[in-house]
């Protein structure tokens, strides 16, 4: 199985171009008569349990993680189930789960390809692999990798998963600045927190360049405020005048540009159902 350029472009959505995060996909899992069976791979402190319960109150949630990480060591909750594994071999039977959720984990995975094959194995046919991963993010928490969206999708498709969707998360420039400032601060700060929950600065700029008519008043005001921090020598006005966005740029084109510079990329894959073609 290989990932074609055409299939990659089809996976970039055209419904809207807003940035999202991994939790976006928990709200999109449809309800069914049976309780949702979800594996949080790299569960850390288990915070996804609270998010998924808002949509699936009777969820059968299992958190999977390695034995030794700062997130695991700081875990205090006892109201959900946690399981330890070796970082590659998932200790559950085939087709056990309806969904595998993984939020900012694969940049820390030493052997991503065999783990992706394991994810396919434990998903039921039609089950979802959803979450996010670093693309342009500085070194953090013993991270090994930054994946391009094409690279991560190729690894997952080669592991037997079907690509459904790729969306941009927070942009890479903002993540770089966050890493720089938080490294130097003597206390924890939430100064950059809101950029995970709404359009981050570079994503706002891409929206301005390619689809300025889609910016709401608050986004336009935020972009103007950010522009005030630029040096007077920075040729912002000239660049905006000279920039020629693609004609009739739609949401897919804006998403594609945001994905190119995304710090976090968000994804949905499915385990194919035998006999179905995509």
Protein backbone atom coordinates (compact mmCIF):
# COMPACT_ATOMS: atom_id res chain seq x y z
CA UNK A 1 0.00 0.00 0.00
CA UNK A 2 1.39 3.44 -0.91
CA UNK A 3 0.26 7.02 -0.41
CA UNK A 4 -0.26 8.99 -3.60
CA UNK A 5 -0.09 12.77 -3.86
CA UNK A 6 -3.72 12.77 -4.98
CA UNK A 7 -4.85 10.80 -1.93
CA UNK A 8 -2.90 13.10 0.36
CA UNK A 9 -4.61 16.17 -1.07
CA UNK A 10 -8.02 14.51 -0.76
CA UNK A 11 -7.37 14.07 2.97
CA UNK A 12 -6.97 17.84 3.47
CA UNK A 13 -10.49 19.02 4.36
CA UNK A 14 -12.47 21.64 2.49
CA UNK A 15 -15.21 22.25 5.10
CA UNK A 16 -13.27 24.85 7.11
CA UNK A 17 -9.67 25.99 7.69
CA UNK A 18 -9.66 26.54 11.46
CA UNK A 19 -6.86 24.97 13.47
CA UNK A 20 -7.88 22.10 15.74
CA UNK A 21 -6.26 19.87 18.34
CA UNK A 22 -6.36 16.14 19.01
CA UNK A 23 -9.47 16.40 21.20
CA UNK A 24 -11.42 17.60 18.16
CA UNK A 25 -11.59 13.99 16.99
CA UNK A 26 -12.95 12.60 20.25
CA UNK A 27 -16.10 14.61 19.64
CA UNK A 28 -16.50 13.15 16.16
CA UNK A 29 -16.70 9.48 17.15
CA UNK A 30 -20.34 8.50 16.54
CA UNK A 31 -22.37 6.97 19.35
CA UNK A 32 -23.59 3.41 19.03
CA UNK A 33 -25.67 0.95 21.00
CA UNK A 34 -22.53 -0.56 22.52
CA UNK A 35 -20.11 1.33 24.82
CA UNK A 36 -17.17 2.83 23.00
CA UNK A 37 -13.92 0.89 23.54
CA UNK A 38 -11.06 3.40 23.42
CA UNK A 39 -7.33 2.98 23.99
CA UNK A 40 -5.39 6.14 24.87
CA UNK A 41 -1.87 5.38 23.67
CA UNK A 42 0.57 7.45 25.70
CA UNK A 43 -2.15 8.31 28.19
CA UNK A 44 0.04 10.25 30.62
CA UNK A 45 -2.15 11.57 33.43
CA UNK A 46 -5.34 10.30 31.77
CA UNK A 47 -6.91 13.64 30.90
CA UNK A 48 -8.52 12.32 27.71
CA UNK A 49 -10.81 10.17 29.87
CA UNK A 50 -12.67 13.29 31.02
CA UNK A 51 -12.94 14.64 27.47
CA UNK A 52 -14.26 11.46 25.87
CA UNK A 53 -16.76 10.91 28.69
CA UNK A 54 -18.50 14.16 27.68
CA UNK A 55 -19.45 12.47 24.40
CA UNK A 56 -19.53 8.80 25.51
CA UNK A 57 -20.47 8.60 29.21
CA UNK A 58 -20.23 4.80 29.28
CA UNK A 59 -16.86 4.60 27.48
CA UNK A 60 -14.58 1.66 28.21
CA UNK A 61 -11.37 3.70 28.42
CA UNK A 62 -7.92 2.17 28.90
CA UNK A 63 -4.76 4.26 29.21
CA UNK A 64 -1.56 2.72 27.85
CA UNK A 65 1.91 4.08 28.57
CA UNK A 66 5.49 3.12 29.23
CA UNK A 67 6.48 2.54 32.84
CA UNK A 68 8.85 5.47 33.26
CA UNK A 69 7.99 8.99 32.09
CA UNK A 70 7.47 12.30 33.88
CA UNK A 71 3.78 12.21 32.95
CA UNK A 72 3.33 8.72 34.36
CA UNK A 73 5.25 9.56 37.53
CA UNK A 74 3.02 12.56 38.17
CA UNK A 75 -0.22 10.58 37.68
CA UNK A 76 -2.56 10.67 40.68
CA UNK A 77 -5.99 9.62 39.45
CA UNK A 78 -7.43 6.21 40.33
CA UNK A 79 -10.83 6.37 38.62
CA UNK A 80 -9.76 4.80 35.32
CA UNK A 81 -7.67 1.87 34.11
CA UNK A 82 -4.00 2.20 33.17
CA UNK A 83 -1.80 -0.47 31.58
CA UNK A 84 1.98 -0.48 31.06
CA UNK A 85 3.71 -1.69 27.87
CA UNK A 86 7.19 -1.82 26.35
CA UNK A 87 6.68 0.97 23.81
CA UNK A 88 6.00 -1.35 20.85
CA UNK A 89 3.90 -4.40 21.70
CA UNK A 90 0.34 -3.50 22.69
CA UNK A 91 -0.84 -6.11 25.23
CA UNK A 92 -4.36 -6.64 23.86
CA UNK A 93 -5.96 -9.05 21.42
CA UNK A 94 -6.68 -8.33 17.77
CA UNK A 95 -9.61 -6.00 16.95
CA UNK A 96 -10.09 -5.09 20.62
CA UNK A 97 -10.80 -1.35 20.25
CA UNK A 98 -13.15 0.96 18.36
CA UNK A 99 -10.65 3.80 18.56
CA UNK A 100 -7.01 4.44 19.45
CA UNK A 101 -6.30 7.99 20.57
CA UNK A 102 -2.76 9.39 20.60
CA UNK A 103 -2.11 13.03 21.54
CA UNK A 104 1.45 14.29 21.02
CA UNK A 105 3.03 10.88 21.58
CA UNK A 106 4.66 9.66 18.38
CA UNK A 107 7.48 12.20 18.47
CA UNK A 108 8.59 10.33 21.62
CA UNK A 109 8.21 6.82 20.16
CA UNK A 110 11.55 5.17 19.44
CA UNK A 111 10.13 2.65 16.93
CA UNK A 112 7.08 4.27 15.27
CA UNK A 113 6.60 1.83 12.39
CA UNK A 114 6.06 -1.39 14.38
CA UNK A 115 3.86 0.52 16.83
CA UNK A 116 1.65 1.73 13.96
CA UNK A 117 1.27 -1.88 12.83
CA UNK A 118 0.24 -2.77 16.37
CA UNK A 119 -2.37 -0.01 16.35
CA UNK A 120 -3.86 -1.46 13.18
CA UNK A 121 -3.91 -4.90 14.76
CA UNK A 122 -5.83 -3.90 17.90
CA UNK A 123 -8.37 -1.78 16.02
CA UNK A 124 -11.56 -3.44 14.85
CA UNK A 125 -12.19 -3.16 11.09
CA UNK A 126 -13.48 0.36 10.55
CA UNK A 127 -11.97 1.52 13.86
CA UNK A 128 -10.30 4.91 14.16
CA UNK A 129 -6.75 6.00 14.90
CA UNK A 130 -7.03 9.68 15.87
CA UNK A 131 -4.89 12.33 17.51
CA UNK A 132 -1.98 14.66 16.87
CA UNK A 133 1.80 14.58 16.52
CA UNK A 134 4.66 17.07 16.30
CA UNK A 135 5.73 18.36 12.91
CA UNK A 136 7.65 21.60 13.62
CA UNK A 137 8.33 21.62 17.35
CA UNK A 138 11.65 22.05 19.20
CA UNK A 139 13.13 19.27 21.28
CA UNK A 140 11.05 18.51 24.36
CA UNK A 141 10.59 15.64 26.84
CA UNK A 142 13.19 13.40 25.12
CA UNK A 143 11.49 13.70 21.73
CA UNK A 144 13.07 11.74 18.86
CA UNK A 145 11.25 12.98 15.77
CA UNK A 146 9.39 15.70 13.96
CA UNK A 147 7.18 14.20 11.21
CA UNK A 148 6.04 16.01 8.11
CA UNK A 149 2.37 15.42 7.44
CA UNK A 150 3.32 13.49 4.31
CA UNK A 151 5.87 11.43 6.24
CA UNK A 152 3.57 10.48 9.11
CA UNK A 153 0.71 9.65 6.76
CA UNK A 154 3.03 7.49 4.67
CA UNK A 155 4.18 5.52 7.73
CA UNK A 156 0.59 4.95 8.83
CA UNK A 157 -0.58 3.92 5.36
CA UNK A 158 2.39 1.56 5.01
CA UNK A 159 1.30 0.01 8.33
CA UNK A 160 -2.07 -0.83 6.79
CA UNK A 161 -4.15 2.14 7.95
CA UNK A 162 -6.40 4.18 5.68
CA UNK A 163 -5.83 7.95 5.62
CA UNK A 164 -9.05 9.87 6.27
CA UNK A 165 -8.07 13.41 7.25
CA UNK A 166 -5.20 15.76 8.14
CA UNK A 167 -5.77 19.15 9.78
CA UNK A 168 -3.41 21.85 11.08
CA UNK A 169 -2.91 22.44 14.79
CA UNK A 170 -0.97 25.25 16.45
CA UNK A 171 1.71 26.69 14.13
CA UNK A 172 5.41 25.87 14.40
CA UNK A 173 6.65 29.43 14.92
CA UNK A 174 4.44 29.88 17.98
CA UNK A 175 5.56 26.53 19.37
CA UNK A 176 9.20 27.55 18.89
CA UNK A 177 8.68 30.81 20.78
CA UNK A 178 6.79 28.96 23.50
CA UNK A 179 9.66 26.50 23.88
CA UNK A 180 12.21 29.35 24.05
CA UNK A 181 10.39 31.34 26.72
CA UNK A 182 9.24 28.42 28.85
CA UNK A 183 12.80 27.08 28.93
CA UNK A 184 13.98 30.32 30.52
CA UNK A 185 11.14 30.86 32.96
CA UNK A 186 11.68 29.89 36.58
CA UNK A 187 7.97 29.18 37.09
CA UNK A 188 5.33 27.49 34.96
CA UNK A 189 3.40 29.87 32.74
CA UNK A 190 0.15 29.61 30.78
CA UNK A 191 1.06 32.57 28.57
CA UNK A 192 0.83 30.56 25.33
CA UNK A 193 -2.09 28.36 26.39
CA UNK A 194 -4.74 30.26 24.45
CA UNK A 195 -2.91 29.69 21.17
CA UNK A 196 -3.76 26.00 21.40
CA UNK A 197 -7.46 26.80 21.69
CA UNK A 198 -7.80 29.44 18.95
CA UNK A 199 -5.93 30.48 15.82
CA UNK A 200 -2.23 30.91 16.58
CA UNK A 201 -0.28 33.85 15.09
CA UNK A 202 1.14 32.26 11.94
CA UNK A 203 -2.19 30.56 11.22
CA UNK A 204 -3.83 33.98 11.51
CA UNK A 205 -1.30 35.42 9.07
CA UNK A 206 -1.92 32.61 6.57
CA UNK A 207 -5.63 33.32 6.85
CA UNK A 208 -4.96 37.00 6.20
CA UNK A 209 -2.82 36.27 3.15
CA UNK A 210 -5.05 33.67 1.57
CA UNK A 211 -8.59 34.29 2.78
CA UNK A 212 -8.81 37.61 4.59
CA UNK A 213 -12.59 37.76 4.11
CA UNK A 214 -12.92 34.75 6.45
CA UNK A 215 -11.26 36.44 9.45
CA UNK A 216 -13.74 37.52 12.08
CA UNK A 217 -13.37 40.83 13.94
CA UNK A 218 -11.54 39.30 16.90
CA UNK A 219 -9.04 37.52 14.64
CA UNK A 220 -8.39 40.70 12.64
CA UNK A 221 -7.80 42.63 15.87
CA UNK A 222 -5.41 39.95 17.15
CA UNK A 223 -3.46 40.04 13.89
CA UNK A 224 -3.19 43.85 14.07
CA UNK A 225 -1.95 43.61 17.66
CA UNK A 226 0.67 41.05 16.69
CA UNK A 227 1.83 43.21 13.77
CA UNK A 228 2.61 46.03 16.22
CA UNK A 229 5.46 43.93 17.62
CA UNK A 230 7.33 43.89 14.30
CA UNK A 231 10.33 46.11 13.78
CA UNK A 232 9.72 49.24 11.73
CA UNK A 233 12.37 47.88 9.37
CA UNK A 234 10.34 44.74 8.67
CA UNK A 235 8.71 45.27 5.23
CA UNK A 236 5.29 43.97 6.24
CA UNK A 237 3.26 46.40 4.13
CA UNK A 238 5.31 45.74 1.00
CA UNK A 239 5.13 41.99 1.48
CA UNK A 240 1.35 42.08 1.86
CA UNK A 241 1.05 44.16 -1.30
CA UNK A 242 3.32 41.85 -3.27
CA UNK A 243 1.89 38.56 -2.01
CA UNK A 244 -0.27 36.83 -4.60
CA UNK A 245 -2.38 34.04 -3.05
CA UNK A 246 -3.78 31.29 -5.27
CA UNK A 247 -6.81 32.47 -7.17
CA UNK A 248 -10.06 31.52 -5.44
CA UNK A 249 -8.23 29.99 -2.49
CA UNK A 250 -10.70 27.83 -0.62
CA UNK A 251 -10.57 26.11 2.75
CA UNK A 252 -8.57 23.17 1.36
CA UNK A 253 -5.86 25.49 0.01
CA UNK A 254 -5.69 27.39 3.32
CA UNK A 255 -5.49 24.12 5.26
CA UNK A 256 -2.70 22.91 2.97
CA UNK A 257 -0.69 26.07 3.64
CA UNK A 258 -1.28 25.86 7.40
CA UNK A 259 -0.26 22.18 7.37
CA UNK A 260 3.04 23.09 5.73
CA UNK A 261 3.98 25.24 8.74
CA UNK A 262 2.05 23.40 11.46
CA UNK A 263 3.80 22.70 14.74
CA UNK A 264 1.24 20.00 15.52
CA UNK A 265 -0.57 18.08 12.83
CA UNK A 266 -3.89 16.43 13.65
CA UNK A 267 -5.06 13.23 11.99
CA UNK A 268 -7.66 10.56 11.51
CA UNK A 269 -6.96 7.12 10.05
CA UNK A 270 -9.19 4.03 9.90
CA UNK A 271 -8.46 0.35 9.84
CA UNK A 272 -9.88 -0.70 6.46
CA UNK A 273 -12.86 -3.03 6.30
CA UNK A 274 -12.01 -6.07 4.24
CA UNK A 275 -13.53 -5.90 0.79
CA UNK A 276 -14.05 -2.13 0.82
CA UNK A 277 -12.05 0.07 -1.54
CA UNK A 278 -11.16 3.71 -1.04
